[in-house]
């Protein structure tokens, strides 16, 4: 098999994988954490064994969907952090970007972060509960790296950046989960309150020399 043929086959496989993920997304938007492999296969017009062939198992499909949505969210959060604005505005914008994302697609959020509650005995929904922690860990590490690269935190900056990164992500997740379920206040009010909580040390930390700032 020559290189051109292998490349064409890889492109075809990648395209088919994207099509299957788009079908899975449609089911997740409809069913949330109750989405099942049977429903996704039916939406894609294939049999469940073919779906398994592409992703291995439910965990493989979940991981692919999680990466797809987490990548998009992280891109949005980076854009908010890179916006030309004062630090307080960027902090509020970043918090708002996260909350707006889970508000716009609550079924996707619930699929990624909450265990399935439905499903038949033959095709239970995805057991997402055990997969949520790695997603939050990834977001925490990404934010920690941004903090370390952009803020001058003094001795122990590497560890402190990770404390802040994981702490901020944990706060956003917990507060956002509560807010999405109960809606006790407006999104703007929650953003301001969370920014107030974060603002003490963030307000006085200097920007790292040569960085775009935080």
C-alpha atoms as a PDB file:
ATOM      1  CA  UNK A   1       0.000   0.000   0.000  1.00  0.00           C
ATOM      2  CA  UNK A   2       1.551   3.311  -1.077  1.00  0.00           C
ATOM      3  CA  UNK A   3       1.604   6.495   1.003  1.00  0.00           C
ATOM      4  CA  UNK A   4      -1.166   8.198  -1.003  1.00  0.00           C
ATOM      5  CA  UNK A   5      -3.538   5.268  -0.495  1.00  0.00           C
ATOM      6  CA  UNK A   6      -2.812   5.151   3.241  1.00  0.00           C
ATOM      7  CA  UNK A   7      -3.407   8.902   3.497  1.00  0.00           C
ATOM      8  CA  UNK A   8      -6.734   8.633   1.660  1.00  0.00           C
ATOM      9  CA  UNK A   9      -7.833   5.803   3.926  1.00  0.00           C
ATOM     10  CA  UNK A  10      -6.883   7.798   7.019  1.00  0.00           C
ATOM     11  CA  UNK A  11      -8.802  10.823   5.795  1.00  0.00           C
ATOM     12  CA  UNK A  12     -11.825   8.648   5.107  1.00  0.00           C
ATOM     13  CA  UNK A  13     -11.595   7.091   8.576  1.00  0.00           C
ATOM     14  CA  UNK A  14     -11.217  10.518  10.207  1.00  0.00           C
ATOM     15  CA  UNK A  15     -14.224  11.840   8.284  1.00  0.00           C
ATOM     16  CA  UNK A  16     -16.321   8.843   9.303  1.00  0.00           C
ATOM     17  CA  UNK A  17     -15.280   9.288  12.924  1.00  0.00           C
ATOM     18  CA  UNK A  18     -16.349  12.936  12.841  1.00  0.00           C
ATOM     19  CA  UNK A  19     -19.709  11.945  11.356  1.00  0.00           C
ATOM     20  CA  UNK A  20     -20.247   9.419  14.152  1.00  0.00           C
ATOM     21  CA  UNK A  21     -19.311  11.984  16.794  1.00  0.00           C
ATOM     22  CA  UNK A  22     -21.786  14.438  15.275  1.00  0.00           C
ATOM     23  CA  UNK A  23     -24.498  11.761  15.445  1.00  0.00           C
ATOM     24  CA  UNK A  24     -23.535  11.092  19.075  1.00  0.00           C
ATOM     25  CA  UNK A  25     -23.751  14.829  19.796  1.00  0.00           C
ATOM     26  CA  UNK A  26     -27.304  14.952  18.446  1.00  0.00           C
ATOM     27  CA  UNK A  27     -28.322  12.127  20.761  1.00  0.00           C
ATOM     28  CA  UNK A  28     -26.575  13.747  23.743  1.00  0.00           C
ATOM     29  CA  UNK A  29     -28.368  17.045  23.050  1.00  0.00           C
ATOM     30  CA  UNK A  30     -31.653  15.144  23.106  1.00  0.00           C
ATOM     31  CA  UNK A  31     -31.061  12.602  25.877  1.00  0.00           C
ATOM     32  CA  UNK A  32     -28.309  14.077  28.051  1.00  0.00           C
ATOM     33  CA  UNK A  33     -26.741  11.562  30.432  1.00  0.00           C
ATOM     34  CA  UNK A  34     -29.346   8.986  29.329  1.00  0.00           C
ATOM     35  CA  UNK A  35     -27.731   8.755  25.880  1.00  0.00           C
ATOM     36  CA  UNK A  36     -27.024   5.142  24.941  1.00  0.00           C
ATOM     37  CA  UNK A  37     -24.912   3.293  22.405  1.00  0.00           C
ATOM     38  CA  UNK A  38     -28.103   1.875  20.857  1.00  0.00           C
ATOM     39  CA  UNK A  39     -29.549   5.347  20.336  1.00  0.00           C
ATOM     40  CA  UNK A  40     -26.279   6.692  18.924  1.00  0.00           C
ATOM     41  CA  UNK A  41     -25.907   3.769  16.512  1.00  0.00           C
ATOM     42  CA  UNK A  42     -29.499   4.259  15.356  1.00  0.00           C
ATOM     43  CA  UNK A  43     -28.922   7.997  14.859  1.00  0.00           C
ATOM     44  CA  UNK A  44     -25.816   7.242  12.775  1.00  0.00           C
ATOM     45  CA  UNK A  45     -27.648   4.584  10.738  1.00  0.00           C
ATOM     46  CA  UNK A  46     -25.256   1.806  11.716  1.00  0.00           C
ATOM     47  CA  UNK A  47     -25.224  -1.206  14.013  1.00  0.00           C
ATOM     48  CA  UNK A  48     -23.784  -1.048  17.504  1.00  0.00           C
ATOM     49  CA  UNK A  49     -20.871  -3.408  16.645  1.00  0.00           C
ATOM     50  CA  UNK A  50     -19.738  -0.928  13.968  1.00  0.00           C
ATOM     51  CA  UNK A  51     -19.860   1.869  16.551  1.00  0.00           C
ATOM     52  CA  UNK A  52     -17.724  -0.253  18.873  1.00  0.00           C
ATOM     53  CA  UNK A  53     -15.296  -0.873  16.015  1.00  0.00           C
ATOM     54  CA  UNK A  54     -14.630   2.846  15.737  1.00  0.00           C
ATOM     55  CA  UNK A  55     -14.388   3.679  19.456  1.00  0.00           C
ATOM     56  CA  UNK A  56     -13.680   0.383  21.226  1.00  0.00           C
ATOM     57  CA  UNK A  57     -16.353   0.703  23.901  1.00  0.00           C
ATOM     58  CA  UNK A  58     -18.553   3.250  25.698  1.00  0.00           C
ATOM     59  CA  UNK A  59     -15.535   4.645  27.479  1.00  0.00           C
ATOM     60  CA  UNK A  60     -13.778   5.256  24.157  1.00  0.00           C
ATOM     61  CA  UNK A  61     -16.774   7.075  22.700  1.00  0.00           C
ATOM     62  CA  UNK A  62     -17.227   9.101  25.891  1.00  0.00           C
ATOM     63  CA  UNK A  63     -13.542  10.077  25.836  1.00  0.00           C
ATOM     64  CA  UNK A  64     -13.813  11.220  22.207  1.00  0.00           C
ATOM     65  CA  UNK A  65     -16.926  13.301  22.937  1.00  0.00           C
ATOM     66  CA  UNK A  66     -15.372  14.717  26.088  1.00  0.00           C
ATOM     67  CA  UNK A  67     -12.218  15.764  24.220  1.00  0.00           C
ATOM     68  CA  UNK A  68     -14.324  17.370  21.470  1.00  0.00           C
ATOM     69  CA  UNK A  69     -16.317  19.504  23.922  1.00  0.00           C
ATOM     70  CA  UNK A  70     -13.468  20.200  26.333  1.00  0.00           C
ATOM     71  CA  UNK A  71     -11.238  21.380  23.476  1.00  0.00           C
ATOM     72  CA  UNK A  72     -13.957  23.804  22.343  1.00  0.00           C
ATOM     73  CA  UNK A  73     -14.514  25.088  25.889  1.00  0.00           C
ATOM     74  CA  UNK A  74     -10.797  25.580  26.514  1.00  0.00           C
ATOM     75  CA  UNK A  75     -10.479  27.508  23.251  1.00  0.00           C
ATOM     76  CA  UNK A  76     -13.271  29.825  24.418  1.00  0.00           C
ATOM     77  CA  UNK A  77     -11.690  30.265  27.850  1.00  0.00           C
ATOM     78  CA  UNK A  78      -8.301  31.084  26.295  1.00  0.00           C
ATOM     79  CA  UNK A  79      -9.949  33.674  24.063  1.00  0.00           C
ATOM     80  CA  UNK A  80     -11.525  35.298  27.130  1.00  0.00           C
ATOM     81  CA  UNK A  81      -8.164  35.345  28.917  1.00  0.00           C
ATOM     82  CA  UNK A  82      -6.476  36.849  25.848  1.00  0.00           C
ATOM     83  CA  UNK A  83      -9.013  39.639  25.379  1.00  0.00           C
ATOM     84  CA  UNK A  84      -7.582  43.194  25.555  1.00  0.00           C
ATOM     85  CA  UNK A  85      -9.111  44.277  28.856  1.00  0.00           C
ATOM     86  CA  UNK A  86      -8.255  44.994  32.473  1.00  0.00           C
ATOM     87  CA  UNK A  87      -7.572  41.918  34.607  1.00  0.00           C
ATOM     88  CA  UNK A  88     -10.851  42.123  36.527  1.00  0.00           C
ATOM     89  CA  UNK A  89     -12.770  42.244  33.240  1.00  0.00           C
ATOM     90  CA  UNK A  90     -10.866  39.237  31.901  1.00  0.00           C
ATOM     91  CA  UNK A  91     -11.522  37.263  35.079  1.00  0.00           C
ATOM     92  CA  UNK A  92     -15.242  38.007  34.883  1.00  0.00           C
ATOM     93  CA  UNK A  93     -15.301  37.271  31.153  1.00  0.00           C
ATOM     94  CA  UNK A  94     -13.606  33.906  31.689  1.00  0.00           C
ATOM     95  CA  UNK A  95     -16.056  32.935  34.430  1.00  0.00           C
ATOM     96  CA  UNK A  96     -18.958  34.058  32.268  1.00  0.00           C
ATOM     97  CA  UNK A  97     -17.655  32.085  29.283  1.00  0.00           C
ATOM     98  CA  UNK A  98     -17.720  28.870  31.315  1.00  0.00           C
ATOM     99  CA  UNK A  99     -21.183  29.514  32.749  1.00  0.00           C
ATOM    100  CA  UNK A 100     -22.565  30.561  29.361  1.00  0.00           C
ATOM    101  CA  UNK A 101     -21.279  27.316  27.834  1.00  0.00           C
ATOM    102  CA  UNK A 102     -23.001  25.045  30.347  1.00  0.00           C
ATOM    103  CA  UNK A 103     -26.155  27.166  30.217  1.00  0.00           C
ATOM    104  CA  UNK A 104     -26.317  27.000  26.417  1.00  0.00           C
ATOM    105  CA  UNK A 105     -25.940  23.205  26.273  1.00  0.00           C
ATOM    106  CA  UNK A 106     -27.082  21.806  29.628  1.00  0.00           C
ATOM    107  CA  UNK A 107     -27.669  18.317  28.254  1.00  0.00           C
ATOM    108  CA  UNK A 108     -24.077  18.131  27.032  1.00  0.00           C
ATOM    109  CA  UNK A 109     -22.860  19.356  30.415  1.00  0.00           C
ATOM    110  CA  UNK A 110     -24.952  16.760  32.240  1.00  0.00           C
ATOM    111  CA  UNK A 111     -23.737  14.033  29.900  1.00  0.00           C
ATOM    112  CA  UNK A 112     -20.118  14.941  30.609  1.00  0.00           C
ATOM    113  CA  UNK A 113     -20.437  15.448  34.354  1.00  0.00           C
ATOM    114  CA  UNK A 114     -23.358  13.403  35.683  1.00  0.00           C
ATOM    115  CA  UNK A 115     -23.946   9.641  35.786  1.00  0.00           C
ATOM    116  CA  UNK A 116     -26.790   8.318  33.664  1.00  0.00           C
ATOM    117  CA  UNK A 117     -30.066   7.761  35.458  1.00  0.00           C
ATOM    118  CA  UNK A 118     -31.966   5.887  32.747  1.00  0.00           C
ATOM    119  CA  UNK A 119     -31.397   3.191  30.174  1.00  0.00           C
ATOM    120  CA  UNK A 120     -32.572  -0.372  29.824  1.00  0.00           C
ATOM    121  CA  UNK A 121     -30.922  -3.341  31.427  1.00  0.00           C
ATOM    122  CA  UNK A 122     -29.419  -4.204  28.022  1.00  0.00           C
ATOM    123  CA  UNK A 123     -28.069  -0.768  27.196  1.00  0.00           C
ATOM    124  CA  UNK A 124     -27.493   1.411  30.216  1.00  0.00           C
ATOM    125  CA  UNK A 125     -26.582   5.048  29.701  1.00  0.00           C
ATOM    126  CA  UNK A 126     -22.954   6.093  29.918  1.00  0.00           C
ATOM    127  CA  UNK A 127     -21.368   5.782  33.349  1.00  0.00           C
ATOM    128  CA  UNK A 128     -19.989   9.287  33.163  1.00  0.00           C
ATOM    129  CA  UNK A 129     -19.457   9.815  36.877  1.00  0.00           C
ATOM    130  CA  UNK A 130     -16.104   8.033  36.925  1.00  0.00           C
ATOM    131  CA  UNK A 131     -14.890  10.016  33.898  1.00  0.00           C
ATOM    132  CA  UNK A 132     -15.678  13.532  35.146  1.00  0.00           C
ATOM    133  CA  UNK A 133     -12.602  13.929  37.373  1.00  0.00           C
ATOM    134  CA  UNK A 134     -10.094  13.577  34.492  1.00  0.00           C
ATOM    135  CA  UNK A 135     -11.934  16.330  32.603  1.00  0.00           C
ATOM    136  CA  UNK A 136     -11.729  18.687  35.573  1.00  0.00           C
ATOM    137  CA  UNK A 137      -8.088  17.728  36.114  1.00  0.00           C
ATOM    138  CA  UNK A 138      -7.283  18.595  32.518  1.00  0.00           C
ATOM    139  CA  UNK A 139      -8.988  21.981  32.813  1.00  0.00           C
ATOM    140  CA  UNK A 140      -7.190  22.621  36.115  1.00  0.00           C
ATOM    141  CA  UNK A 141      -3.795  21.850  34.589  1.00  0.00           C
ATOM    142  CA  UNK A 142      -4.508  24.036  31.557  1.00  0.00           C
ATOM    143  CA  UNK A 143      -5.479  26.989  33.750  1.00  0.00           C
ATOM    144  CA  UNK A 144      -2.530  26.371  36.072  1.00  0.00           C
ATOM    145  CA  UNK A 145      -0.136  26.598  33.134  1.00  0.00           C
ATOM    146  CA  UNK A 146      -1.690  29.888  32.013  1.00  0.00           C
ATOM    147  CA  UNK A 147      -1.348  31.280  35.539  1.00  0.00           C
ATOM    148  CA  UNK A 148       2.283  30.161  35.837  1.00  0.00           C
ATOM    149  CA  UNK A 149       3.154  31.580  32.407  1.00  0.00           C
ATOM    150  CA  UNK A 150       1.492  34.955  32.990  1.00  0.00           C
ATOM    151  CA  UNK A 151       1.724  35.836  36.682  1.00  0.00           C
ATOM    152  CA  UNK A 152       4.772  36.522  38.826  1.00  0.00           C
ATOM    153  CA  UNK A 153       4.006  34.483  41.945  1.00  0.00           C
ATOM    154  CA  UNK A 154       7.448  34.389  43.542  1.00  0.00           C
ATOM    155  CA  UNK A 155       8.994  31.333  45.247  1.00  0.00           C
ATOM    156  CA  UNK A 156       7.022  28.145  44.782  1.00  0.00           C
ATOM    157  CA  UNK A 157       5.213  29.589  41.759  1.00  0.00           C
ATOM    158  CA  UNK A 158       4.823  26.204  40.044  1.00  0.00           C
ATOM    159  CA  UNK A 159       2.970  24.659  42.982  1.00  0.00           C
ATOM    160  CA  UNK A 160       0.979  27.798  43.729  1.00  0.00           C
ATOM    161  CA  UNK A 161      -0.170  28.074  40.100  1.00  0.00           C
ATOM    162  CA  UNK A 162      -1.509  24.528  40.301  1.00  0.00           C
ATOM    163  CA  UNK A 163      -3.275  25.211  43.577  1.00  0.00           C
ATOM    164  CA  UNK A 164      -4.931  28.226  41.975  1.00  0.00           C
ATOM    165  CA  UNK A 165      -5.689  26.485  38.677  1.00  0.00           C
ATOM    166  CA  UNK A 166      -7.364  23.449  40.200  1.00  0.00           C
ATOM    167  CA  UNK A 167      -9.038  25.543  42.885  1.00  0.00           C
ATOM    168  CA  UNK A 168     -10.589  27.931  40.367  1.00  0.00           C
ATOM    169  CA  UNK A 169     -11.810  25.086  38.147  1.00  0.00           C
ATOM    170  CA  UNK A 170     -13.277  23.282  41.161  1.00  0.00           C
ATOM    171  CA  UNK A 171     -15.042  26.466  42.232  1.00  0.00           C
ATOM    172  CA  UNK A 172     -16.436  27.097  38.739  1.00  0.00           C
ATOM    173  CA  UNK A 173     -17.631  23.513  38.455  1.00  0.00           C
ATOM    174  CA  UNK A 174     -19.286  23.328  41.870  1.00  0.00           C
ATOM    175  CA  UNK A 175     -20.884  26.762  41.683  1.00  0.00           C
ATOM    176  CA  UNK A 176     -21.954  26.258  38.066  1.00  0.00           C
ATOM    177  CA  UNK A 177     -23.491  22.871  38.799  1.00  0.00           C
ATOM    178  CA  UNK A 178     -25.511  24.315  41.687  1.00  0.00           C
ATOM    179  CA  UNK A 179     -26.524  27.382  39.675  1.00  0.00           C
ATOM    180  CA  UNK A 180     -27.575  25.410  36.595  1.00  0.00           C
ATOM    181  CA  UNK A 181     -29.857  23.234  38.699  1.00  0.00           C
ATOM    182  CA  UNK A 182     -31.387  25.814  41.059  1.00  0.00           C
ATOM    183  CA  UNK A 183     -31.051  29.135  39.169  1.00  0.00           C
ATOM    184  CA  UNK A 184     -30.943  31.125  42.443  1.00  0.00           C
ATOM    185  CA  UNK A 185     -29.601  34.255  40.730  1.00  0.00           C
ATOM    186  CA  UNK A 186     -28.716  35.661  37.326  1.00  0.00           C
ATOM    187  CA  UNK A 187     -25.558  34.561  35.567  1.00  0.00           C
ATOM    188  CA  UNK A 188     -24.169  38.090  35.876  1.00  0.00           C
ATOM    189  CA  UNK A 189     -24.728  38.075  39.642  1.00  0.00           C
ATOM    190  CA  UNK A 190     -22.961  34.728  39.996  1.00  0.00           C
ATOM    191  CA  UNK A 191     -20.041  35.945  37.878  1.00  0.00           C
ATOM    192  CA  UNK A 192     -19.585  39.051  40.044  1.00  0.00           C
ATOM    193  CA  UNK A 193     -19.780  37.040  43.266  1.00  0.00           C
ATOM    194  CA  UNK A 194     -17.222  34.478  42.103  1.00  0.00           C
ATOM    195  CA  UNK A 195     -14.909  37.203  40.823  1.00  0.00           C
ATOM    196  CA  UNK A 196     -15.150  38.949  44.226  1.00  0.00           C
ATOM    197  CA  UNK A 197     -14.107  35.686  45.880  1.00  0.00           C
ATOM    198  CA  UNK A 198     -11.071  35.324  43.611  1.00  0.00           C
ATOM    199  CA  UNK A 199     -10.025  38.919  43.516  1.00  0.00           C
ATOM    200  CA  UNK A 200      -7.918  39.309  46.673  1.00  0.00           C
ATOM    201  CA  UNK A 201      -4.579  37.767  45.625  1.00  0.00           C
ATOM    202  CA  UNK A 202      -5.272  38.066  41.907  1.00  0.00           C
ATOM    203  CA  UNK A 203      -5.601  41.827  42.269  1.00  0.00           C
ATOM    204  CA  UNK A 204      -2.053  42.265  43.580  1.00  0.00           C
ATOM    205  CA  UNK A 205      -0.109  39.594  41.662  1.00  0.00           C
ATOM    206  CA  UNK A 206       2.181  41.128  39.052  1.00  0.00           C
ATOM    207  CA  UNK A 207       2.278  40.091  35.418  1.00  0.00           C
ATOM    208  CA  UNK A 208       5.272  37.975  34.407  1.00  0.00           C
ATOM    209  CA  UNK A 209       7.721  39.995  32.324  1.00  0.00           C
ATOM    210  CA  UNK A 210       7.132  39.435  28.615  1.00  0.00           C
ATOM    211  CA  UNK A 211       3.796  37.675  29.094  1.00  0.00           C
ATOM    212  CA  UNK A 212       0.467  38.936  27.702  1.00  0.00           C
ATOM    213  CA  UNK A 213      -0.754  39.321  31.311  1.00  0.00           C
ATOM    214  CA  UNK A 214      -3.545  37.634  33.189  1.00  0.00           C
END
